[in-house]
C-alpha atoms as a PDB file:
ATOM      1  CA  MET A   1       1.150  19.605   3.096  1.00  0.00           C
ATOM      2  CA  LYS A   2      -0.934  20.416   0.001  1.00  0.00           C
ATOM      3  CA  LYS A   3       0.701  17.456  -1.711  1.00  0.00           C
ATOM      4  CA  LEU A   4      -0.442  15.145   1.092  1.00  0.00           C
ATOM      5  CA  PHE A   5      -4.052  16.310   0.754  1.00  0.00           C
ATOM      6  CA  PHE A   6      -3.892  15.919  -3.039  1.00  0.00           C
ATOM      7  CA  ILE A   7      -2.493  12.409  -2.756  1.00  0.00           C
ATOM      8  CA  ILE A   8      -5.113  11.407  -0.205  1.00  0.00           C
ATOM      9  CA  GLY A   9      -8.001  12.988  -2.115  1.00  0.00           C
ATOM     10  CA  LEU A  10      -7.185  11.761  -5.627  1.00  0.00           C
ATOM     11  CA  PRO A  11      -7.920   8.054  -5.052  1.00  0.00           C
ATOM     12  CA  LEU A  12     -11.151   8.969  -3.310  1.00  0.00           C
ATOM     13  CA  MET A  13     -12.264  10.972  -6.329  1.00  0.00           C
ATOM     14  CA  LEU A  14     -11.333   8.091  -8.623  1.00  0.00           C
ATOM     15  CA  ALA A  15     -13.258   5.645  -6.448  1.00  0.00           C
ATOM     16  CA  GLY A  16     -16.514   7.309  -7.395  1.00  0.00           C
ATOM     17  CA  GLY A  17     -19.380   8.310  -5.179  1.00  0.00           C
ATOM     18  CA  SER A  18     -20.495  11.750  -4.215  1.00  0.00           C
ATOM     19  CA  ALA A  19     -18.080  14.559  -3.527  1.00  0.00           C
ATOM     20  CA  SER A  20     -19.675  15.399  -0.199  1.00  0.00           C
ATOM     21  CA  ALA A  21     -17.886  16.343   2.990  1.00  0.00           C
ATOM     22  CA  GLN A  22     -18.192  12.737   4.165  1.00  0.00           C
ATOM     23  CA  LEU A  23     -14.809  11.160   4.837  1.00  0.00           C
ATOM     24  CA  TRP A  24     -13.850   7.712   3.643  1.00  0.00           C
ATOM     25  CA  SER A  25     -13.836   5.923   7.000  1.00  0.00           C
ATOM     26  CA  GLY A  26     -11.945   2.908   8.204  1.00  0.00           C
ATOM     27  CA  ASN A  27     -15.201   0.981   7.817  1.00  0.00           C
ATOM     28  CA  ASP A  28     -15.408   2.084   4.178  1.00  0.00           C
ATOM     29  CA  TYR A  29     -11.764   1.143   3.637  1.00  0.00           C
ATOM     30  CA  ARG A  30     -12.261  -2.294   5.174  1.00  0.00           C
ATOM     31  CA  GLU A  31     -15.376  -2.973   3.109  1.00  0.00           C
ATOM     32  CA  THR A  32     -13.799  -1.777  -0.129  1.00  0.00           C
ATOM     33  CA  CYS A  33     -10.248  -2.981   0.285  1.00  0.00           C
ATOM     34  CA  THR A  34     -10.324  -6.153   2.363  1.00  0.00           C
ATOM     35  CA  LEU A  35     -13.739  -7.798   2.428  1.00  0.00           C
ATOM     36  CA  GLU A  36     -14.677  -8.045  -1.256  1.00  0.00           C
ATOM     37  CA  PRO A  37     -11.871  -6.560  -3.326  1.00  0.00           C
ATOM     38  CA  ASP A  38     -11.845  -6.784  -7.090  1.00  0.00           C
ATOM     39  CA  GLU A  39      -9.163  -5.609  -9.517  1.00  0.00           C
ATOM     40  CA  TYR A  40     -10.490  -2.043  -9.676  1.00  0.00           C
ATOM     41  CA  LYS A  41     -10.955  -1.704  -5.914  1.00  0.00           C
ATOM     42  CA  THR A  42      -7.518  -3.183  -5.277  1.00  0.00           C
ATOM     43  CA  SER A  43      -5.968  -0.596  -7.595  1.00  0.00           C
ATOM     44  CA  VAL A  44      -7.777   2.292  -5.892  1.00  0.00           C
ATOM     45  CA  CYS A  45      -6.857   1.028  -2.428  1.00  0.00           C
ATOM     46  CA  SER A  46      -3.255   0.485  -3.454  1.00  0.00           C
ATOM     47  CA  ALA A  47      -2.990   4.005  -4.884  1.00  0.00           C
ATOM     48  CA  PHE A  48      -4.527   5.408  -1.705  1.00  0.00           C
ATOM     49  CA  ILE A  49      -2.095   3.605   0.611  1.00  0.00           C
ATOM     50  CA  ILE A  50       0.988   4.178  -1.540  1.00  0.00           C
ATOM     51  CA  GLY A  51       0.181   7.875  -1.925  1.00  0.00           C
ATOM     52  CA  ILE A  52      -0.159   8.341   1.813  1.00  0.00           C
ATOM     53  CA  ALA A  53       2.972   6.277   2.473  1.00  0.00           C
ATOM     54  CA  GLN A  54       5.060   8.292   0.003  1.00  0.00           C
ATOM     55  CA  ALA A  55       3.773  11.625   1.279  1.00  0.00           C
ATOM     56  CA  GLY A  56       4.266  10.598   4.905  1.00  0.00           C
ATOM     57  CA  ARG A  57       7.795   9.395   4.239  1.00  0.00           C
ATOM     58  CA  SER A  58       8.680  12.567   2.293  1.00  0.00           C
ATOM     59  CA  ASN A  59       7.267  14.795   5.036  1.00  0.00           C
ATOM     60  CA  LYS A  60       8.952  12.738   7.783  1.00  0.00           C
ATOM     61  CA  ILE A  61       5.635  11.901   9.455  1.00  0.00           C
ATOM     62  CA  PHE A  62       7.025   8.389   9.874  1.00  0.00           C
ATOM     63  CA  CYS A  63      10.384   6.846   9.015  1.00  0.00           C
ATOM     64  CA  MET A  64       9.628   3.929   6.721  1.00  0.00           C
ATOM     65  CA  PRO A  65      12.773   2.369   5.247  1.00  0.00           C
ATOM     66  CA  GLU A  66      13.135   2.584   1.477  1.00  0.00           C
ATOM     67  CA  ASP A  67      13.144  -1.214   1.108  1.00  0.00           C
ATOM     68  CA  VAL A  68       9.661  -1.761   2.585  1.00  0.00           C
ATOM     69  CA  THR A  69       7.478  -3.265  -0.141  1.00  0.00           C
ATOM     70  CA  ASN A  70       3.966  -2.222  -1.109  1.00  0.00           C
ATOM     71  CA  GLY A  71       2.779  -5.643   0.075  1.00  0.00           C
ATOM     72  CA  GLN A  72       4.296  -5.090   3.513  1.00  0.00           C
ATOM     73  CA  THR A  73       2.720  -1.631   3.693  1.00  0.00           C
ATOM     74  CA  HIS A  74      -0.708  -3.045   2.776  1.00  0.00           C
ATOM     75  CA  ALA A  75      -0.336  -5.800   5.377  1.00  0.00           C
ATOM     76  CA  ILE A  76       0.523  -3.270   8.104  1.00  0.00           C
ATOM     77  CA  VAL A  77      -2.447  -1.055   7.211  1.00  0.00           C
ATOM     78  CA  ASN A  78      -4.918  -3.928   6.842  1.00  0.00           C
ATOM     79  CA  SER A  79      -3.792  -5.486  10.107  1.00  0.00           C
ATOM     80  CA  TYR A  80      -4.140  -2.207  11.991  1.00  0.00           C
ATOM     81  CA  ILE A  81      -7.614  -1.495  10.625  1.00  0.00           C
ATOM     82  CA  ASN A  82      -8.796  -5.059  11.249  1.00  0.00           C
ATOM     83  CA  ASP A  83      -7.301  -5.156  14.756  1.00  0.00           C
ATOM     84  CA  ASN A  84      -8.780  -1.808  15.871  1.00  0.00           C
ATOM     85  CA  PRO A  85     -12.535  -1.941  15.200  1.00  0.00           C
ATOM     86  CA  GLU A  86     -13.144   0.809  17.767  1.00  0.00           C
ATOM     87  CA  GLU A  87     -11.286   3.246  15.477  1.00  0.00           C
ATOM     88  CA  ARG A  88     -12.908   2.321  12.143  1.00  0.00           C
ATOM     89  CA  HIS A  89     -15.297   5.282  12.311  1.00  0.00           C
ATOM     90  CA  LEU A  90     -12.264   7.568  11.859  1.00  0.00           C
ATOM     91  CA  ALA A  91     -10.991   8.695   8.465  1.00  0.00           C
ATOM     92  CA  ALA A  92      -9.194   5.917   6.590  1.00  0.00           C
ATOM     93  CA  SER A  93      -6.335   8.303   5.836  1.00  0.00           C
ATOM     94  CA  GLU A  94      -5.875   8.915   9.571  1.00  0.00           C
ATOM     95  CA  LEU A  95      -5.847   5.176  10.284  1.00  0.00           C
ATOM     96  CA  ILE A  96      -3.300   4.576   7.523  1.00  0.00           C
ATOM     97  CA  VAL A  97      -0.995   7.275   8.879  1.00  0.00           C
ATOM     98  CA  THR A  98      -1.431   5.988  12.447  1.00  0.00           C
ATOM     99  CA  SER A  99      -0.611   2.426  11.415  1.00  0.00           C
ATOM    100  CA  LEU A 100       2.544   3.546   9.602  1.00  0.00           C
ATOM    101  CA  VAL A 101       3.651   5.838  12.458  1.00  0.00           C
ATOM    102  CA  LYS A 102       3.294   2.923  14.888  1.00  0.00           C
ATOM    103  CA  ALA A 103       5.159   0.562  12.557  1.00  0.00           C
ATOM    104  CA  PHE A 104       7.893   3.035  11.580  1.00  0.00           C
ATOM    105  CA  PRO A 105       8.377   5.660  14.295  1.00  0.00           C
ATOM    106  CA  CYS A 106      11.064   8.251  13.735  1.00  0.00           C
ATOM    107  CA  GLN A 107      13.909   8.256  16.228  1.00  0.00           C
ATOM    108  CA  PRO A 108      14.175  11.393  18.374  1.00  0.00           C
ATOM    109  CA  LYS A 109      16.990  13.674  17.288  1.00  0.00           C
END
């Protein structure tokens, strides 16, 4: 679980801003990653999503197939955040995990 927190926190630290207790919300994600992205922002957002996706897959939080591309993962996340404005006040990391759990649920054993 420590790895998941490290992977989620690292891109946020690289993105700049203050190191306060304020979470990077879905609104922040949408503004940074989808509305006016540039090369730097795209890299930070990509690292953020890929880190969460890899940690979630490794920890069996969701069951994403190995052949899912980064582009598909971004599209799933962006679609979920854009389609659920009532949830954008929540942490972006939570919204990313939720979108991937919904897209790739694990089968009951």
